[in-house]
Amino acid sequence: MKGKKIIAVLLSTVVLLTACGGQQNNAGNTNTSGDNEVSSDASGETSDEPDAETSDESGLRVALVVNQRFGDQSSVDIIASGVDKAAQEFGFEVKKLESTSTAAHEDDIRSLAREGYDLIITTFPQMSEATLAVAKEYPDIKFAAIYQYINAEETEAANVWSSEYHGEEYFYVMGALGAYVSQTGHIGYVNAAESPSANASINALMLGALSVNPDIDVSFTYVGSFEDPAAGKEVALSMADGGVDYIVGDAAKTSIGCIEGAKEAGIAISTDTNFDYAYELYPDGYFASTGLGFDENAYLACKMLVEDNFTGGIMSPLGLKEGIYYIGYDALEKFSANGSEWGNIFTDKDVIAFVKDLEAKIVSGEITVPNDTSYPDFDSLKAKQQ
């Protein structure tokens, strides 16, 4: 029965994405709405999001609590845009809360449950333990755990729908692309924090790079923060000094610093940052943003609530094949045609045809990318491939 539920949710997701059409990450262009609050334990400035009223025609109430600050031009803003889209379409009340302190997660989620919200959406693995604890206390409230591993094996919760993001296929493509265009034979990857999914993404990127160039070198770094652009810039510059000329960043607001460092060093870069924002920062080297449907994930959770078919008790695997991760071809085309040195390299190598061919082979099953969550060891992986 659980398998049938997973298939049903995945089919709904694919239909939704097809109807909406996959578009490049433009979170920074989204005007989000709803009440925005900051946890009492959170430090720093309040949300950058504008306050606005949302209608509550349905009588339903949805709360979004995030573990990073709004205004990141990345994942959190994208998730908020999906909730706002659903609120505008279906007419329900929305409250948004920043819970940036790990110690505050459980109390913040519990406070929303006490207020009687019908659906509480939480974000990323760092919030899983708190989400599960509160969900068990409030079995009549529905929870959507975005990019979390609740309902995996021993952690099942009947009122929680969790979504397991599989980025390994996407990052395999980005690693292959890096090896294909790199002029130095050395590429890099930057993430904010180690997790099983982050490890899998890095291992896949390394495999993709090695599939194109067996002699490629790959460096990676866990910065330690999703909100430290200065650290991101330092890492990018350090990688460039070490010979890296192509970086993939996956570190939310920290990625903005990676872009600044890449610009200073004159190397190519792709991150999880809003493409329009990042391209304006560095048009000569910023070639794409991670196509990631966080917004559609949040929208689907709200849609299931409104339509009274919320599917709890399962974890849905979502990746390139399901359309949650996708390639931003519009961005690649724009970059390839801009006349910059890197743009000309992309044009000369017909990067778009290369990427489309590789993506097709993954989707068809001709290429199978493993979900290797072990801590990345490039030298060992490289030796195994030879």
Protein backbone atom coordinates (compact mmCIF):
# COMPACT_ATOMS: atom_id res chain seq x y z
CA MET A 1 0.00 0.00 0.00
CA LYS A 2 2.82 2.40 0.85
CA GLY A 3 4.35 1.89 -2.60
CA LYS A 4 1.07 2.76 -4.27
CA LYS A 5 0.84 5.95 -2.24
CA ILE A 6 4.35 6.99 -3.29
CA ILE A 7 3.52 6.42 -6.96
CA ALA A 8 0.32 8.44 -6.64
CA VAL A 9 2.11 11.43 -5.12
CA LEU A 10 4.89 11.27 -7.71
CA LEU A 11 2.36 11.19 -10.54
CA SER A 12 0.62 14.21 -9.04
CA THR A 13 3.96 16.00 -8.85
CA VAL A 14 4.84 15.25 -12.47
CA VAL A 15 1.41 16.38 -13.67
CA LEU A 16 1.72 19.57 -11.63
CA LEU A 17 5.17 20.35 -12.98
CA THR A 18 4.05 19.67 -16.53
CA ALA A 19 1.10 21.98 -16.12
CA CYS A 20 3.17 24.74 -14.58
CA GLY A 21 6.17 24.26 -16.85
CA GLY A 22 9.72 24.01 -15.49
CA GLN A 23 11.32 27.44 -15.37
CA GLN A 24 14.63 28.72 -14.13
CA ASN A 25 14.87 29.57 -10.45
CA ASN A 26 13.57 33.14 -10.16
CA ALA A 27 12.90 33.26 -6.45
CA GLY A 28 14.23 36.77 -6.15
CA ASN A 29 11.49 38.05 -8.47
CA THR A 30 8.68 36.62 -6.35
CA ASN A 31 6.67 38.97 -4.18
CA THR A 32 5.77 36.75 -1.24
CA SER A 33 2.87 37.40 1.06
CA GLY A 34 1.54 36.48 4.46
CA ASP A 35 2.61 37.26 8.01
CA ASN A 36 6.35 36.90 8.56
CA GLU A 37 7.82 36.46 12.00
CA VAL A 38 11.19 35.66 13.51
CA SER A 39 11.67 33.17 16.32
CA SER A 40 12.46 34.75 19.66
CA ASP A 41 15.68 32.72 19.73
CA ALA A 42 16.78 33.86 16.28
CA SER A 43 19.49 36.45 15.93
CA GLY A 44 20.09 39.11 13.28
CA GLU A 45 17.68 41.15 11.24
CA THR A 46 14.10 40.25 10.54
CA SER A 47 12.78 38.88 7.28
CA ASP A 48 13.36 40.75 4.02
CA GLU A 49 9.94 39.59 2.81
CA PRO A 50 7.20 42.18 2.47
CA ASP A 51 4.13 41.78 4.67
CA ALA A 52 0.81 41.46 2.90
CA GLU A 53 -2.56 39.95 3.68
CA THR A 54 -3.65 36.66 2.19
CA SER A 55 -7.29 35.73 1.85
CA ASP A 56 -8.76 32.91 3.91
CA GLU A 57 -11.83 32.04 1.89
CA SER A 58 -11.36 28.32 2.48
CA GLY A 59 -11.15 28.71 6.25
CA LEU A 60 -7.89 26.75 6.22
CA ARG A 61 -4.68 27.98 7.81
CA VAL A 62 -1.15 27.09 6.67
CA ALA A 63 2.11 27.87 8.45
CA LEU A 64 5.58 27.81 6.90
CA VAL A 65 8.49 27.64 9.34
CA VAL A 66 11.97 27.77 7.82
CA ASN A 67 15.43 27.18 9.27
CA GLN A 68 17.09 29.87 7.15
CA ARG A 69 16.25 33.54 6.73
CA PHE A 70 13.97 34.78 3.98
CA GLY A 71 15.63 36.93 1.35
CA ASP A 72 18.28 34.32 0.47
CA GLN A 73 17.57 34.54 -3.29
CA SER A 74 17.48 30.75 -3.12
CA SER A 75 15.65 27.80 -1.56
CA VAL A 76 13.73 29.51 1.25
CA ASP A 77 12.39 32.22 -1.03
CA ILE A 78 11.40 29.58 -3.59
CA ILE A 79 9.50 27.55 -0.98
CA ALA A 80 7.70 30.69 0.21
CA SER A 81 6.68 31.51 -3.36
CA GLY A 82 5.05 28.07 -3.70
CA VAL A 83 3.02 28.61 -0.53
CA ASP A 84 1.99 32.08 -1.69
CA LYS A 85 0.94 30.75 -5.09
CA ALA A 86 -1.27 28.16 -3.42
CA ALA A 87 -2.73 30.73 -1.01
CA GLN A 88 -3.66 33.03 -3.87
CA GLU A 89 -5.18 30.18 -5.87
CA PHE A 90 -7.06 28.39 -3.08
CA GLY A 91 -7.70 31.19 -0.57
CA PHE A 92 -6.27 30.24 2.80
CA GLU A 93 -4.47 32.07 5.60
CA VAL A 94 -0.65 31.92 5.66
CA LYS A 95 1.83 32.56 8.44
CA LYS A 96 5.61 32.43 7.94
CA LEU A 97 8.17 32.02 10.68
CA GLU A 98 11.98 32.07 10.64
CA SER A 99 13.44 29.57 13.11
CA THR A 100 17.17 29.99 12.57
CA SER A 101 18.33 28.53 15.89
CA THR A 102 18.44 24.74 16.10
CA ALA A 103 17.49 24.92 19.76
CA ALA A 104 14.31 26.82 18.86
CA HIS A 105 12.99 24.52 16.11
CA GLU A 106 10.81 22.32 18.29
CA ASP A 107 9.31 25.17 20.32
CA ASP A 108 8.63 27.20 17.18
CA ILE A 109 6.86 24.33 15.44
CA ARG A 110 4.92 23.49 18.62
CA SER A 111 3.77 27.11 18.96
CA LEU A 112 2.24 26.92 15.49
CA ALA A 113 0.56 23.61 16.35
CA ARG A 114 -0.92 25.17 19.47
CA GLU A 115 -2.33 27.96 17.31
CA GLY A 116 -4.24 25.30 15.40
CA TYR A 117 -2.82 25.54 11.90
CA ASP A 118 -4.18 22.88 9.58
CA LEU A 119 -0.86 22.35 7.78
CA ILE A 120 2.63 23.13 9.02
CA ILE A 121 5.44 23.08 6.47
CA THR A 122 9.02 22.67 7.69
CA THR A 123 12.29 22.72 5.79
CA PHE A 124 15.42 20.60 5.44
CA PRO A 125 16.96 17.78 7.49
CA GLN A 126 17.95 20.09 10.34
CA MET A 127 14.25 20.38 11.26
CA SER A 128 13.34 16.68 10.98
CA GLU A 129 13.74 15.72 14.63
CA ALA A 130 11.67 18.68 15.81
CA THR A 131 9.02 18.13 13.11
CA LEU A 132 8.62 14.48 14.05
CA ALA A 133 8.40 15.22 17.76
CA VAL A 134 5.63 17.81 17.37
CA ALA A 135 3.78 15.76 14.73
CA LYS A 136 3.46 12.91 17.22
CA GLU A 137 2.03 15.31 19.82
CA TYR A 138 -0.55 16.69 17.35
CA PRO A 139 -1.79 13.76 15.22
CA ASP A 140 -4.73 15.76 13.83
CA ILE A 141 -2.47 18.41 12.27
CA LYS A 142 -0.86 17.74 8.90
CA PHE A 143 2.85 18.33 8.37
CA ALA A 144 4.84 18.65 5.14
CA ALA A 145 8.55 18.04 5.68
CA ILE A 146 10.37 19.44 2.65
CA TYR A 147 13.70 17.78 1.84
CA GLN A 148 13.56 15.54 4.91
CA TYR A 149 13.78 11.82 5.66
CA ILE A 150 10.80 11.33 7.93
CA ASN A 151 8.88 8.14 7.02
CA ALA A 152 12.13 6.40 6.16
CA GLU A 153 12.20 3.04 7.92
CA GLU A 154 11.74 3.49 11.69
CA THR A 155 10.63 7.15 11.66
CA GLU A 156 7.16 6.81 10.13
CA ALA A 157 4.53 9.38 11.07
CA ALA A 158 1.01 9.04 9.67
CA ASN A 159 0.35 12.80 9.57
CA VAL A 160 3.63 13.77 7.89
CA TRP A 161 4.35 13.83 4.15
CA SER A 162 8.09 14.09 3.59
CA SER A 163 9.95 14.58 0.35
CA GLU A 164 13.39 13.11 -0.19
CA TYR A 165 15.31 15.16 -2.73
CA HIS A 166 17.68 13.24 -4.95
CA GLY A 167 20.10 15.65 -6.58
CA GLU A 168 22.63 13.06 -7.66
CA GLU A 169 21.38 12.89 -11.26
CA TYR A 170 21.42 16.66 -11.67
CA PHE A 171 24.88 17.03 -10.14
CA TYR A 172 26.21 14.17 -12.25
CA VAL A 173 25.29 16.30 -15.27
CA MET A 174 26.93 19.38 -13.75
CA GLY A 175 30.10 17.43 -13.02
CA ALA A 176 30.21 16.11 -16.56
CA LEU A 177 29.65 19.63 -17.90
CA GLY A 178 32.48 20.93 -15.74
CA ALA A 179 34.92 18.36 -17.07
CA TYR A 180 33.70 19.13 -20.60
CA VAL A 181 34.36 22.89 -20.46
CA SER A 182 37.18 23.22 -17.90
CA GLN A 183 40.38 24.66 -19.33
CA THR A 184 42.51 23.63 -16.35
CA GLY A 185 41.18 20.13 -15.73
CA HIS A 186 40.20 21.05 -12.18
CA ILE A 187 36.66 21.80 -10.97
CA GLY A 188 35.12 22.49 -7.55
CA TYR A 189 31.94 22.04 -5.52
CA VAL A 190 30.82 24.10 -2.51
CA ASN A 191 28.09 23.09 -0.07
CA ALA A 192 27.05 24.56 3.26
CA ALA A 193 26.83 21.48 5.46
CA GLU A 194 27.38 17.75 5.27
CA SER A 195 24.29 15.58 4.97
CA PRO A 196 23.51 12.29 3.21
CA SER A 197 22.02 14.15 0.24
CA ALA A 198 24.95 16.59 0.03
CA ASN A 199 27.41 13.69 0.06
CA ALA A 200 25.42 11.97 -2.68
CA SER A 201 25.44 15.15 -4.79
CA ILE A 202 29.21 15.55 -4.50
CA ASN A 203 29.91 11.89 -5.24
CA ALA A 204 27.67 12.10 -8.30
CA LEU A 205 29.35 15.29 -9.50
CA MET A 206 32.72 13.55 -9.21
CA LEU A 207 31.46 10.52 -11.16
CA GLY A 208 30.04 12.75 -13.88
CA ALA A 209 33.32 14.61 -14.21
CA LEU A 210 35.33 11.38 -14.37
CA SER A 211 33.00 9.99 -17.05
CA VAL A 212 34.13 12.80 -19.36
CA ASN A 213 37.75 13.23 -18.30
CA PRO A 214 39.40 10.39 -16.30
CA ASP A 215 42.24 12.76 -15.43
CA ILE A 216 40.03 15.51 -14.00
CA ASP A 217 40.64 16.84 -10.47
CA VAL A 218 37.69 17.73 -8.23
CA SER A 219 37.86 19.74 -5.00
CA PHE A 220 34.96 20.20 -2.60
CA THR A 221 34.27 22.14 0.59
CA TYR A 222 31.61 22.19 3.28
CA VAL A 223 31.58 25.84 4.32
CA GLY A 224 29.63 25.35 7.54
CA SER A 225 26.91 27.94 6.95
CA PHE A 226 24.05 28.66 4.56
CA GLU A 227 24.24 32.38 5.38
CA ASP A 228 27.89 33.43 5.12
CA PRO A 229 28.68 35.09 1.76
CA ALA A 230 32.11 36.18 3.05
CA ALA A 231 33.07 32.56 3.66
CA GLY A 232 31.72 31.60 0.26
CA LYS A 233 33.85 34.21 -1.45
CA GLU A 234 36.93 33.08 0.45
CA VAL A 235 36.38 29.46 -0.55
CA ALA A 236 35.86 30.34 -4.22
CA LEU A 237 39.02 32.42 -4.33
CA SER A 238 40.97 29.66 -2.58
CA MET A 239 39.75 27.10 -5.09
CA ALA A 240 40.66 29.38 -7.97
CA ASP A 241 44.15 29.83 -6.51
CA GLY A 242 44.42 26.04 -6.51
CA GLY A 243 43.65 25.79 -10.22
CA VAL A 244 39.87 25.39 -10.20
CA ASP A 245 38.19 27.20 -13.09
CA TYR A 246 34.61 25.88 -12.73
CA ILE A 247 32.58 25.83 -9.49
CA VAL A 248 29.17 24.43 -8.62
CA GLY A 249 27.73 26.04 -5.49
CA ASP A 250 24.88 24.66 -3.39
CA ALA A 251 24.92 26.76 -0.22
CA ALA A 252 21.94 29.19 -0.30
CA LYS A 253 23.01 32.73 0.69
CA THR A 254 26.64 31.62 1.03
CA SER A 255 26.55 30.92 -2.71
CA ILE A 256 26.30 34.66 -3.37
CA GLY A 257 29.81 35.02 -1.96
CA CYS A 258 30.97 32.17 -4.16
CA ILE A 259 29.73 34.14 -7.16
CA GLU A 260 31.64 37.22 -6.02
CA GLY A 261 34.81 35.16 -5.61
CA ALA A 262 34.38 33.51 -8.99
CA LYS A 263 33.93 36.91 -10.60
CA GLU A 264 37.11 38.21 -9.01
CA ALA A 265 39.00 35.14 -10.24
CA GLY A 266 37.37 35.08 -13.69
CA ILE A 267 36.16 31.48 -13.45
CA ALA A 268 32.87 29.86 -14.45
CA ILE A 269 30.22 29.18 -11.82
CA SER A 270 26.72 27.80 -11.31
CA THR A 271 24.89 27.90 -7.97
CA ASP A 272 21.47 27.55 -6.36
CA THR A 273 20.98 31.34 -6.50
CA ASN A 274 18.19 33.04 -8.47
CA PHE A 275 19.55 33.17 -12.03
CA ASP A 276 18.50 36.72 -12.91
CA TYR A 277 20.05 38.05 -9.72
CA ALA A 278 23.27 36.05 -10.08
CA TYR A 279 23.67 36.69 -13.81
CA GLU A 280 23.46 40.43 -13.18
CA LEU A 281 26.24 40.05 -10.60
CA TYR A 282 28.52 38.17 -12.98
CA PRO A 283 27.32 37.91 -16.60
CA ASP A 284 30.75 36.86 -17.90
CA GLY A 285 30.88 33.66 -15.86
CA TYR A 286 27.54 32.79 -14.24
CA PHE A 287 26.03 30.26 -16.63
CA ALA A 288 23.10 28.58 -14.81
CA SER A 289 21.19 28.13 -11.57
CA THR A 290 20.11 24.84 -10.10
CA GLY A 291 16.64 24.07 -11.41
CA LEU A 292 14.89 22.91 -8.25
CA GLY A 293 11.14 22.79 -7.70
CA PHE A 294 10.95 23.63 -4.00
CA ASP A 295 8.01 25.87 -4.87
CA GLU A 296 6.10 23.03 -6.51
CA ASN A 297 6.79 20.78 -3.53
CA ALA A 298 5.26 23.36 -1.17
CA TYR A 299 2.40 24.06 -3.57
CA LEU A 300 1.54 20.38 -3.83
CA ALA A 301 1.40 20.01 -0.03
CA CYS A 302 -1.07 22.91 0.15
CA LYS A 303 -3.08 21.56 -2.77
CA MET A 304 -3.44 18.15 -1.09
CA LEU A 305 -4.67 19.89 2.07
CA VAL A 306 -7.28 21.94 0.22
CA GLU A 307 -8.50 18.96 -1.81
CA ASP A 308 -8.68 16.79 1.32
CA ASN A 309 -6.37 14.11 -0.07
CA PHE A 310 -3.27 14.78 2.01
CA THR A 311 -1.02 11.72 1.85
CA GLY A 312 0.78 11.28 5.14
CA GLY A 313 2.95 8.43 6.30
CA ILE A 314 5.18 8.31 3.23
CA MET A 315 8.40 9.78 1.91
CA SER A 316 8.42 10.65 -1.80
CA PRO A 317 11.74 10.48 -3.66
CA LEU A 318 12.02 13.45 -6.02
CA GLY A 319 14.78 14.08 -8.55
CA LEU A 320 15.63 14.79 -12.17
CA LYS A 321 13.33 12.07 -13.52
CA GLU A 322 10.39 13.43 -11.54
CA GLY A 323 11.04 17.00 -12.71
CA ILE A 324 11.86 18.45 -9.28
CA TYR A 325 15.47 18.95 -10.35
CA TYR A 326 15.69 20.31 -13.88
CA ILE A 327 18.23 21.84 -16.25
CA GLY A 328 17.91 25.58 -16.92
CA TYR A 329 18.32 25.53 -20.69
CA ASP A 330 17.10 29.12 -21.08
CA ALA A 331 19.95 30.25 -18.85
CA LEU A 332 22.50 28.17 -20.76
CA GLU A 333 21.30 29.66 -24.04
CA LYS A 334 21.47 33.21 -22.70
CA PHE A 335 24.95 32.69 -21.34
CA SER A 336 26.29 30.94 -24.45
CA ALA A 337 25.17 33.85 -26.61
CA ASN A 338 26.54 36.73 -24.49
CA GLY A 339 29.92 36.98 -26.24
CA SER A 340 32.01 36.55 -23.07
CA GLU A 341 35.10 34.35 -23.04
CA TRP A 342 33.31 31.62 -21.14
CA GLY A 343 30.17 32.10 -23.21
CA ASN A 344 32.20 31.50 -26.35
CA ILE A 345 33.67 28.34 -24.85
CA PHE A 346 30.15 27.08 -24.17
CA THR A 347 29.11 27.95 -27.73
CA ASP A 348 32.15 26.36 -29.37
CA LYS A 349 31.60 23.14 -27.43
CA ASP A 350 27.83 23.11 -28.10
CA VAL A 351 27.17 22.71 -24.39
CA ILE A 352 23.38 22.61 -24.74
CA ALA A 353 23.47 19.59 -27.05
CA PHE A 354 25.96 17.89 -24.72
CA VAL A 355 23.76 18.43 -21.66
CA LYS A 356 20.53 17.42 -23.39
CA ASP A 357 22.09 14.18 -24.60
CA LEU A 358 23.34 13.36 -21.12
CA GLU A 359 20.03 14.20 -19.47
CA ALA A 360 18.16 12.01 -21.96
CA LYS A 361 20.41 9.06 -21.16
CA ILE A 362 19.75 9.48 -17.44
CA VAL A 363 15.99 9.81 -17.83
CA SER A 364 15.85 6.78 -20.14
CA GLY A 365 17.87 4.67 -17.72
CA GLU A 366 20.84 4.25 -20.04
CA ILE A 367 22.94 5.96 -17.36
CA THR A 368 22.23 5.07 -13.73
CA VAL A 369 23.61 7.43 -11.12
CA PRO A 370 24.12 5.85 -7.69
CA ASN A 371 22.83 7.50 -4.53
CA ASP A 372 26.14 7.22 -2.67
CA THR A 373 25.74 8.98 0.68
CA SER A 374 29.19 8.10 2.02
CA TYR A 375 31.59 10.94 2.76
CA PRO A 376 33.22 11.94 -0.55
CA ASP A 377 36.74 10.67 -1.23
CA PHE A 378 37.76 11.76 -4.70
CA ASP A 379 41.10 9.98 -4.82
CA SER A 380 39.48 6.67 -3.89
CA LEU A 381 36.64 7.18 -6.36
CA LYS A 382 39.06 8.10 -9.12
CA ALA A 383 41.14 5.00 -8.48
CA LYS A 384 38.03 2.78 -8.73
CA GLN A 385 37.17 4.26 -12.13
CA GLN A 386 40.59 3.47 -13.62
